[in-house]
């Protein structure tokens, strides 16, 4: 990886999808929260969806993410996910 390279995370499903052009501010609180949190670190969230077409959410991190006490971080141990003995 090159220093300053941008990372992109894409999550897709084949669910019911929804019309992204229809105003649903109250029913899509999760999308609003994702955008707010991404904005805090200078990242970008894009949502592509359509009725009957599933949904794709893309998070693109900036080259140099904002860091500081106001930004929460999480840790994920992928070895635990790969170990069937720990699967629930």
C-alpha atoms as a PDB file:
ATOM      1  CA  UNK A   1       0.000   0.000   0.000  1.00  0.00           C
ATOM      2  CA  UNK A   2       1.245   3.472  -0.824  1.00  0.00           C
ATOM      3  CA  UNK A   3       1.210   6.097   1.888  1.00  0.00           C
ATOM      4  CA  UNK A   4      -1.830   8.273   1.438  1.00  0.00           C
ATOM      5  CA  UNK A   5      -3.695   5.754  -0.723  1.00  0.00           C
ATOM      6  CA  UNK A   6      -7.481   5.941  -0.480  1.00  0.00           C
ATOM      7  CA  UNK A   7      -9.376   2.930   0.826  1.00  0.00           C
ATOM      8  CA  UNK A   8     -12.830   2.043  -0.440  1.00  0.00           C
ATOM      9  CA  UNK A   9     -15.229  -0.339   1.294  1.00  0.00           C
ATOM     10  CA  UNK A  10     -18.249  -1.612  -0.634  1.00  0.00           C
ATOM     11  CA  UNK A  11     -21.171  -3.540   0.864  1.00  0.00           C
ATOM     12  CA  UNK A  12     -23.925  -4.857  -1.415  1.00  0.00           C
ATOM     13  CA  UNK A  13     -27.047  -6.927  -0.983  1.00  0.00           C
ATOM     14  CA  UNK A  14     -29.714  -8.343  -3.247  1.00  0.00           C
ATOM     15  CA  UNK A  15     -32.622  -7.218  -1.076  1.00  0.00           C
ATOM     16  CA  UNK A  16     -35.722  -5.208  -1.909  1.00  0.00           C
ATOM     17  CA  UNK A  17     -33.831  -1.942  -2.459  1.00  0.00           C
ATOM     18  CA  UNK A  18     -35.479   1.481  -2.422  1.00  0.00           C
ATOM     19  CA  UNK A  19     -35.806   4.626  -4.506  1.00  0.00           C
ATOM     20  CA  UNK A  20     -32.877   6.867  -3.519  1.00  0.00           C
ATOM     21  CA  UNK A  21     -34.620   9.903  -5.039  1.00  0.00           C
ATOM     22  CA  UNK A  22     -37.688   9.579  -2.820  1.00  0.00           C
ATOM     23  CA  UNK A  23     -37.507  11.677   0.347  1.00  0.00           C
ATOM     24  CA  UNK A  24     -37.484   9.329   3.339  1.00  0.00           C
ATOM     25  CA  UNK A  25     -35.551  11.377   5.866  1.00  0.00           C
ATOM     26  CA  UNK A  26     -37.356   9.863   8.854  1.00  0.00           C
ATOM     27  CA  UNK A  27     -37.230   6.219   7.724  1.00  0.00           C
ATOM     28  CA  UNK A  28     -33.547   6.228   6.657  1.00  0.00           C
ATOM     29  CA  UNK A  29     -31.992   7.439   9.897  1.00  0.00           C
ATOM     30  CA  UNK A  30     -29.146   4.908   9.511  1.00  0.00           C
ATOM     31  CA  UNK A  31     -28.094   6.417   6.179  1.00  0.00           C
ATOM     32  CA  UNK A  32     -28.038   9.893   7.698  1.00  0.00           C
ATOM     33  CA  UNK A  33     -25.912   8.692  10.609  1.00  0.00           C
ATOM     34  CA  UNK A  34     -23.464   6.936   8.258  1.00  0.00           C
ATOM     35  CA  UNK A  35     -23.047  10.133   6.256  1.00  0.00           C
ATOM     36  CA  UNK A  36     -22.580  12.263   9.392  1.00  0.00           C
ATOM     37  CA  UNK A  37     -19.897   9.942  10.776  1.00  0.00           C
ATOM     38  CA  UNK A  38     -18.092   9.724   7.457  1.00  0.00           C
ATOM     39  CA  UNK A  39     -18.116  13.509   7.176  1.00  0.00           C
ATOM     40  CA  UNK A  40     -16.441  13.798  10.602  1.00  0.00           C
ATOM     41  CA  UNK A  41     -13.326  12.056   9.249  1.00  0.00           C
ATOM     42  CA  UNK A  42     -13.450  13.525   5.755  1.00  0.00           C
ATOM     43  CA  UNK A  43     -14.804  10.310   4.202  1.00  0.00           C
ATOM     44  CA  UNK A  44     -17.616   9.932   1.690  1.00  0.00           C
ATOM     45  CA  UNK A  45     -20.623   7.582   1.690  1.00  0.00           C
ATOM     46  CA  UNK A  46     -22.504   6.799  -1.516  1.00  0.00           C
ATOM     47  CA  UNK A  47     -25.689   4.754  -1.692  1.00  0.00           C
ATOM     48  CA  UNK A  48     -26.922   3.139  -4.891  1.00  0.00           C
ATOM     49  CA  UNK A  49     -30.275   1.381  -4.788  1.00  0.00           C
ATOM     50  CA  UNK A  50     -33.452   0.848  -6.704  1.00  0.00           C
ATOM     51  CA  UNK A  51     -36.738  -0.934  -6.006  1.00  0.00           C
ATOM     52  CA  UNK A  52     -36.162  -4.652  -6.536  1.00  0.00           C
ATOM     53  CA  UNK A  53     -32.451  -4.125  -7.259  1.00  0.00           C
ATOM     54  CA  UNK A  54     -30.792  -4.378  -3.843  1.00  0.00           C
ATOM     55  CA  UNK A  55     -28.535  -1.750  -2.304  1.00  0.00           C
ATOM     56  CA  UNK A  56     -24.834  -0.912  -2.488  1.00  0.00           C
ATOM     57  CA  UNK A  57     -23.187   1.320   0.118  1.00  0.00           C
ATOM     58  CA  UNK A  58     -19.676   2.603  -0.632  1.00  0.00           C
ATOM     59  CA  UNK A  59     -17.455   4.252   1.976  1.00  0.00           C
ATOM     60  CA  UNK A  60     -14.376   6.014   0.596  1.00  0.00           C
ATOM     61  CA  UNK A  61     -11.794   7.127   3.126  1.00  0.00           C
ATOM     62  CA  UNK A  62      -9.697  10.224   2.521  1.00  0.00           C
ATOM     63  CA  UNK A  63      -5.955   9.954   1.905  1.00  0.00           C
ATOM     64  CA  UNK A  64      -5.286  11.330   5.373  1.00  0.00           C
ATOM     65  CA  UNK A  65      -8.254  10.679   7.694  1.00  0.00           C
ATOM     66  CA  UNK A  66      -9.011  13.148  10.443  1.00  0.00           C
ATOM     67  CA  UNK A  67      -7.928  11.820  13.811  1.00  0.00           C
ATOM     68  CA  UNK A  68      -8.507  13.029  17.327  1.00  0.00           C
ATOM     69  CA  UNK A  69     -10.376  12.455  20.530  1.00  0.00           C
ATOM     70  CA  UNK A  70     -13.741  13.134  18.875  1.00  0.00           C
ATOM     71  CA  UNK A  71     -13.343  10.231  16.437  1.00  0.00           C
ATOM     72  CA  UNK A  72     -14.255   6.777  17.731  1.00  0.00           C
ATOM     73  CA  UNK A  73     -12.368   3.724  16.517  1.00  0.00           C
ATOM     74  CA  UNK A  74     -13.192   0.037  16.588  1.00  0.00           C
ATOM     75  CA  UNK A  75     -11.075  -3.078  16.411  1.00  0.00           C
ATOM     76  CA  UNK A  76     -12.026  -6.275  14.612  1.00  0.00           C
ATOM     77  CA  UNK A  77     -10.137  -9.530  15.105  1.00  0.00           C
ATOM     78  CA  UNK A  78     -10.602 -11.327  11.777  1.00  0.00           C
ATOM     79  CA  UNK A  79      -9.027 -14.493  13.177  1.00  0.00           C
ATOM     80  CA  UNK A  80     -12.014 -14.877  15.509  1.00  0.00           C
ATOM     81  CA  UNK A  81     -14.412 -14.566  12.579  1.00  0.00           C
ATOM     82  CA  UNK A  82     -12.539 -17.249  10.636  1.00  0.00           C
ATOM     83  CA  UNK A  83     -12.514 -19.701  13.582  1.00  0.00           C
ATOM     84  CA  UNK A  84     -15.675 -21.886  13.444  1.00  0.00           C
ATOM     85  CA  UNK A  85     -15.334 -22.587  17.188  1.00  0.00           C
ATOM     86  CA  UNK A  86     -16.187 -18.935  17.850  1.00  0.00           C
ATOM     87  CA  UNK A  87     -19.126 -18.736  15.426  1.00  0.00           C
ATOM     88  CA  UNK A  88     -22.548 -18.184  16.956  1.00  0.00           C
END
